[in-house]
Amino acid sequence: MPIVTVQQGPRSVELKRELVARITDAFVDALQVPAESVQVWIQETSPESWGVGGKLTADTRK
């Protein structure tokens, strides 16, 4: 059973639905597994809790 973990900033539930559907479809196509066997876990991190290039992401969005 494939398990996919996505780490990202907060997104709307609509975008997450689309992401889960597309990831599932990709695994079904590539690995020929049933969609019911694909698990997608989304871990969201706020911009205040992650950084890039030595700066918090929250600080770069101003």
PDB file of N, CA and C in Angstrom:
ATOM      1  N   MET A   1       0.836  -1.165   0.000  1.00  0.00           N
ATOM      2  CA  MET A   1       0.000   0.000   0.000  1.00  0.00           C
ATOM      3  C   MET A   1       0.887   1.237   0.000  1.00  0.00           C
ATOM      4  N   PRO A   2       0.814   2.072  -1.040  1.00  0.00           N
ATOM      5  CA  PRO A   2       1.607   3.295  -1.080  1.00  0.00           C
ATOM      6  C   PRO A   2       1.097   4.320  -0.069  1.00  0.00           C
ATOM      7  N   ILE A   3       2.038   4.956   0.614  1.00  0.00           N
ATOM      8  CA  ILE A   3       1.728   6.055   1.523  1.00  0.00           C
ATOM      9  C   ILE A   3       2.559   7.242   1.078  1.00  0.00           C
ATOM     10  N   VAL A   4       1.895   8.354   0.799  1.00  0.00           N
ATOM     11  CA  VAL A   4       2.561   9.564   0.336  1.00  0.00           C
ATOM     12  C   VAL A   4       2.385  10.629   1.409  1.00  0.00           C
ATOM     13  N   THR A   5       3.465  11.298   1.784  1.00  0.00           N
ATOM     14  CA  THR A   5       3.391  12.393   2.728  1.00  0.00           C
ATOM     15  C   THR A   5       3.737  13.686   2.010  1.00  0.00           C
ATOM     16  N   VAL A   6       2.864  14.668   2.125  1.00  0.00           N
ATOM     17  CA  VAL A   6       3.069  15.978   1.520  1.00  0.00           C
ATOM     18  C   VAL A   6       3.255  16.975   2.658  1.00  0.00           C
ATOM     19  N   GLN A   7       4.361  17.692   2.622  1.00  0.00           N
ATOM     20  CA  GLN A   7       4.597  18.742   3.603  1.00  0.00           C
ATOM     21  C   GLN A   7       4.478  20.074   2.876  1.00  0.00           C
ATOM     22  N   GLN A   8       3.612  20.942   3.391  1.00  0.00           N
ATOM     23  CA  GLN A   8       3.351  22.199   2.701  1.00  0.00           C
ATOM     24  C   GLN A   8       2.799  23.221   3.672  1.00  0.00           C
ATOM     25  N   GLY A   9       2.702  24.435   3.189  1.00  0.00           N
ATOM     26  CA  GLY A   9       2.017  25.479   3.934  1.00  0.00           C
ATOM     27  C   GLY A   9       0.516  25.280   3.834  1.00  0.00           C
ATOM     28  N   PRO A  10      -0.238  26.008   4.632  1.00  0.00           N
ATOM     29  CA  PRO A  10      -1.695  25.867   4.624  1.00  0.00           C
ATOM     30  C   PRO A  10      -2.297  26.139   3.245  1.00  0.00           C
ATOM     31  N   ARG A  11      -3.251  25.313   2.878  1.00  0.00           N
ATOM     32  CA  ARG A  11      -3.996  25.451   1.628  1.00  0.00           C
ATOM     33  C   ARG A  11      -5.478  25.218   1.912  1.00  0.00           C
ATOM     34  N   SER A  12      -6.319  25.627   0.998  1.00  0.00           N
ATOM     35  CA  SER A  12      -7.765  25.426   1.173  1.00  0.00           C
ATOM     36  C   SER A  12      -8.098  23.937   1.029  1.00  0.00           C
ATOM     37  N   VAL A  13      -9.238  23.566   1.566  1.00  0.00           N
ATOM     38  CA  VAL A  13      -9.670  22.172   1.474  1.00  0.00           C
ATOM     39  C   VAL A  13      -9.908  21.784   0.021  1.00  0.00           C
ATOM     40  N   GLU A  14     -10.351  22.733  -0.810  1.00  0.00           N
ATOM     41  CA  GLU A  14     -10.572  22.433  -2.231  1.00  0.00           C
ATOM     42  C   GLU A  14      -9.256  22.055  -2.917  1.00  0.00           C
ATOM     43  N   LEU A  15      -8.201  22.812  -2.638  1.00  0.00           N
ATOM     44  CA  LEU A  15      -6.897  22.498  -3.231  1.00  0.00           C
ATOM     45  C   LEU A  15      -6.363  21.158  -2.727  1.00  0.00           C
ATOM     46  N   LYS A  16      -6.588  20.865  -1.459  1.00  0.00           N
ATOM     47  CA  LYS A  16      -6.124  19.588  -0.915  1.00  0.00           C
ATOM     48  C   LYS A  16      -6.889  18.415  -1.521  1.00  0.00           C
ATOM     49  N   ARG A  17      -8.173  18.592  -1.761  1.00  0.00           N
ATOM     50  CA  ARG A  17      -8.952  17.531  -2.431  1.00  0.00           C
ATOM     51  C   ARG A  17      -8.365  17.227  -3.804  1.00  0.00           C
ATOM     52  N   GLU A  18      -8.088  18.289  -4.560  1.00  0.00           N
ATOM     53  CA  GLU A  18      -7.525  18.125  -5.900  1.00  0.00           C
ATOM     54  C   GLU A  18      -6.155  17.457  -5.845  1.00  0.00           C
ATOM     55  N   LEU A  19      -5.330  17.871  -4.904  1.00  0.00           N
ATOM     56  CA  LEU A  19      -3.996  17.281  -4.756  1.00  0.00           C
ATOM     57  C   LEU A  19      -4.086  15.790  -4.449  1.00  0.00           C
ATOM     58  N   VAL A  20      -4.934  15.424  -3.500  1.00  0.00           N
ATOM     59  CA  VAL A  20      -5.092  14.008  -3.124  1.00  0.00           C
ATOM     60  C   VAL A  20      -5.582  13.188  -4.321  1.00  0.00           C
ATOM     61  N   ALA A  21      -6.525  13.720  -5.064  1.00  0.00           N
ATOM     62  CA  ALA A  21      -7.046  12.998  -6.232  1.00  0.00           C
ATOM     63  C   ALA A  21      -5.952  12.792  -7.283  1.00  0.00           C
ATOM     64  N   ARG A  22      -5.172  13.834  -7.545  1.00  0.00           N
ATOM     65  CA  ARG A  22      -4.139  13.718  -8.575  1.00  0.00           C
ATOM     66  C   ARG A  22      -2.992  12.800  -8.152  1.00  0.00           C
ATOM     67  N   ILE A  23      -2.614  12.871  -6.894  1.00  0.00           N
ATOM     68  CA  ILE A  23      -1.562  11.966  -6.403  1.00  0.00           C
ATOM     69  C   ILE A  23      -2.047  10.525  -6.493  1.00  0.00           C
ATOM     70  N   THR A  24      -3.271  10.280  -6.068  1.00  0.00           N
ATOM     71  CA  THR A  24      -3.830   8.935  -6.134  1.00  0.00           C
ATOM     72  C   THR A  24      -3.852   8.431  -7.569  1.00  0.00           C
ATOM     73  N   ASP A  25      -4.320   9.258  -8.495  1.00  0.00           N
ATOM     74  CA  ASP A  25      -4.351   8.867  -9.905  1.00  0.00           C
ATOM     75  C   ASP A  25      -2.954   8.527 -10.429  1.00  0.00           C
ATOM     76  N   ALA A  26      -1.958   9.300 -10.013  1.00  0.00           N
ATOM     77  CA  ALA A  26      -0.588   9.044 -10.474  1.00  0.00           C
ATOM     78  C   ALA A  26      -0.094   7.683  -9.998  1.00  0.00           C
ATOM     79  N   PHE A  27      -0.394   7.311  -8.764  1.00  0.00           N
ATOM     80  CA  PHE A  27       0.032   6.012  -8.258  1.00  0.00           C
ATOM     81  C   PHE A  27      -0.733   4.870  -8.922  1.00  0.00           C
ATOM     82  N   VAL A  28      -2.020   5.088  -9.157  1.00  0.00           N
ATOM     83  CA  VAL A  28      -2.811   4.066  -9.845  1.00  0.00           C
ATOM     84  C   VAL A  28      -2.235   3.829 -11.237  1.00  0.00           C
ATOM     85  N   ASP A  29      -1.919   4.908 -11.961  1.00  0.00           N
ATOM     86  CA  ASP A  29      -1.370   4.785 -13.313  1.00  0.00           C
ATOM     87  C   ASP A  29       0.032   4.171 -13.314  1.00  0.00           C
ATOM     88  N   ALA A  30       0.898   4.657 -12.442  1.00  0.00           N
ATOM     89  CA  ALA A  30       2.301   4.235 -12.466  1.00  0.00           C
ATOM     90  C   ALA A  30       2.525   2.849 -11.877  1.00  0.00           C
ATOM     91  N   LEU A  31       1.811   2.532 -10.810  1.00  0.00           N
ATOM     92  CA  LEU A  31       2.063   1.267 -10.101  1.00  0.00           C
ATOM     93  C   LEU A  31       0.976   0.219 -10.309  1.00  0.00           C
ATOM     94  N   GLN A  32      -0.102   0.615 -11.007  1.00  0.00           N
ATOM     95  CA  GLN A  32      -1.203  -0.317 -11.251  1.00  0.00           C
ATOM     96  C   GLN A  32      -1.766  -0.884  -9.942  1.00  0.00           C
ATOM     97  N   VAL A  33      -1.964   0.002  -8.962  1.00  0.00           N
ATOM     98  CA  VAL A  33      -2.552  -0.399  -7.685  1.00  0.00           C
ATOM     99  C   VAL A  33      -3.962   0.182  -7.615  1.00  0.00           C
ATOM    100  N   PRO A  34      -4.835  -0.422  -6.815  1.00  0.00           N
ATOM    101  CA  PRO A  34      -6.172   0.145  -6.679  1.00  0.00           C
ATOM    102  C   PRO A  34      -6.128   1.472  -5.920  1.00  0.00           C
ATOM    103  N   ALA A  35      -6.983   2.392  -6.308  1.00  0.00           N
ATOM    104  CA  ALA A  35      -7.014   3.710  -5.657  1.00  0.00           C
ATOM    105  C   ALA A  35      -7.231   3.578  -4.152  1.00  0.00           C
ATOM    106  N   GLU A  36      -7.996   2.594  -3.753  1.00  0.00           N
ATOM    107  CA  GLU A  36      -8.290   2.410  -2.326  1.00  0.00           C
ATOM    108  C   GLU A  36      -7.048   2.077  -1.503  1.00  0.00           C
ATOM    109  N   SER A  37      -5.970   1.665  -2.158  1.00  0.00           N
ATOM    110  CA  SER A  37      -4.757   1.312  -1.414  1.00  0.00           C
ATOM    111  C   SER A  37      -3.807   2.493  -1.230  1.00  0.00           C
ATOM    112  N   VAL A  38      -4.088   3.606  -1.885  1.00  0.00           N
ATOM    113  CA  VAL A  38      -3.190   4.773  -1.820  1.00  0.00           C
ATOM    114  C   VAL A  38      -3.620   5.682  -0.678  1.00  0.00           C
ATOM    115  N   GLN A  39      -2.676   5.954   0.219  1.00  0.00           N
ATOM    116  CA  GLN A  39      -2.924   6.878   1.319  1.00  0.00           C
ATOM    117  C   GLN A  39      -2.097   8.133   1.091  1.00  0.00           C
ATOM    118  N   VAL A  40      -2.714   9.293   1.287  1.00  0.00           N
ATOM    119  CA  VAL A  40      -2.010  10.568   1.167  1.00  0.00           C
ATOM    120  C   VAL A  40      -2.186  11.317   2.478  1.00  0.00           C
ATOM    121  N   TRP A  41      -1.063  11.643   3.086  1.00  0.00           N
ATOM    122  CA  TRP A  41      -1.076  12.390   4.340  1.00  0.00           C
ATOM    123  C   TRP A  41      -0.559  13.784   4.064  1.00  0.00           C
ATOM    124  N   ILE A  42      -1.299  14.783   4.471  1.00  0.00           N
ATOM    125  CA  ILE A  42      -0.892  16.172   4.275  1.00  0.00           C
ATOM    126  C   ILE A  42      -0.527  16.762   5.632  1.00  0.00           C
ATOM    127  N   GLN A  43       0.711  17.193   5.737  1.00  0.00           N
ATOM    128  CA  GLN A  43       1.195  17.843   6.954  1.00  0.00           C
ATOM    129  C   GLN A  43       1.384  19.319   6.636  1.00  0.00           C
ATOM    130  N   GLU A  44       0.580  20.153   7.255  1.00  0.00           N
ATOM    131  CA  GLU A  44       0.668  21.583   6.993  1.00  0.00           C
ATOM    132  C   GLU A  44       1.438  22.278   8.108  1.00  0.00           C
ATOM    133  N   THR A  45       2.292  23.180   7.681  1.00  0.00           N
ATOM    134  CA  THR A  45       3.103  23.952   8.610  1.00  0.00           C
ATOM    135  C   THR A  45       2.859  25.428   8.343  1.00  0.00           C
ATOM    136  N   SER A  46       2.613  26.172   9.381  1.00  0.00           N
ATOM    137  CA  SER A  46       2.355  27.600   9.204  1.00  0.00           C
ATOM    138  C   SER A  46       3.628  28.319   8.764  1.00  0.00           C
ATOM    139  N   PRO A  47       3.503  29.437   8.072  1.00  0.00           N
ATOM    140  CA  PRO A  47       4.682  30.190   7.621  1.00  0.00           C
ATOM    141  C   PRO A  47       5.569  30.655   8.778  1.00  0.00           C
ATOM    142  N   GLU A  48       5.005  30.731   9.971  1.00  0.00           N
ATOM    143  CA  GLU A  48       5.791  31.124  11.146  1.00  0.00           C
ATOM    144  C   GLU A  48       6.640  29.983  11.678  1.00  0.00           C
ATOM    145  N   SER A  49       6.434  28.772  11.136  1.00  0.00           N
ATOM    146  CA  SER A  49       7.115  27.594  11.672  1.00  0.00           C
ATOM    147  C   SER A  49       8.051  26.938  10.677  1.00  0.00           C
ATOM    148  N   TRP A  50       8.378  27.649   9.576  1.00  0.00           N
ATOM    149  CA  TRP A  50       9.354  27.097   8.660  1.00  0.00           C
ATOM    150  C   TRP A  50      10.093  28.224   7.984  1.00  0.00           C
ATOM    151  N   GLY A  51      11.326  27.937   7.594  1.00  0.00           N
ATOM    152  CA  GLY A  51      12.147  28.975   6.990  1.00  0.00           C
ATOM    153  C   GLY A  51      12.858  28.489   5.743  1.00  0.00           C
ATOM    154  N   VAL A  52      13.253  29.453   4.918  1.00  0.00           N
ATOM    155  CA  VAL A  52      14.000  29.191   3.696  1.00  0.00           C
ATOM    156  C   VAL A  52      15.098  30.241   3.600  1.00  0.00           C
ATOM    157  N   GLY A  53      16.309  29.808   3.349  1.00  0.00           N
ATOM    158  CA  GLY A  53      17.407  30.748   3.166  1.00  0.00           C
ATOM    159  C   GLY A  53      17.705  31.582   4.396  1.00  0.00           C
ATOM    160  N   GLY A  54      17.484  31.027   5.557  1.00  0.00           N
ATOM    161  CA  GLY A  54      17.798  31.728   6.792  1.00  0.00           C
ATOM    162  C   GLY A  54      16.716  32.675   7.272  1.00  0.00           C
ATOM    163  N   LYS A  55      15.556  32.682   6.613  1.00  0.00           N
ATOM    164  CA  LYS A  55      14.465  33.571   7.014  1.00  0.00           C
ATOM    165  C   LYS A  55      13.172  32.788   7.127  1.00  0.00           C
ATOM    166  N   LEU A  56      12.336  33.202   8.081  1.00  0.00           N
ATOM    167  CA  LEU A  56      11.029  32.584   8.189  1.00  0.00           C
ATOM    168  C   LEU A  56      10.221  32.900   6.940  1.00  0.00           C
ATOM    169  N   THR A  57       9.480  31.938   6.506  1.00  0.00           N
ATOM    170  CA  THR A  57       8.631  32.134   5.337  1.00  0.00           C
ATOM    171  C   THR A  57       7.644  33.267   5.579  1.00  0.00           C
ATOM    172  N   ALA A  58       7.148  33.398   6.806  1.00  0.00           N
ATOM    173  CA  ALA A  58       6.218  34.463   7.141  1.00  0.00           C
ATOM    174  C   ALA A  58       6.836  35.836   6.883  1.00  0.00           C
ATOM    175  N   ASP A  59       8.131  35.979   7.101  1.00  0.00           N
ATOM    176  CA  ASP A  59       8.794  37.254   6.913  1.00  0.00           C
ATOM    177  C   ASP A  59       9.014  37.593   5.448  1.00  0.00           C
ATOM    178  N   THR A  60       9.023  36.618   4.587  1.00  0.00           N
ATOM    179  CA  THR A  60       9.274  36.864   3.170  1.00  0.00           C
ATOM    180  C   THR A  60       7.996  37.154   2.396  1.00  0.00           C
ATOM    181  N   ARG A  61       6.851  37.016   3.029  1.00  0.00           N
ATOM    182  CA  ARG A  61       5.557  37.231   2.355  1.00  0.00           C
ATOM    183  C   ARG A  61       5.024  38.634   2.580  1.00  0.00           C
ATOM    184  N   LYS A  62       5.768  39.493   3.181  1.00  0.00           N
ATOM    185  CA  LYS A  62       5.282  40.850   3.472  1.00  0.00           C
ATOM    186  C   LYS A  62       5.459  41.762   2.297  1.00  0.00           C
TER     187      LYS A  62
END
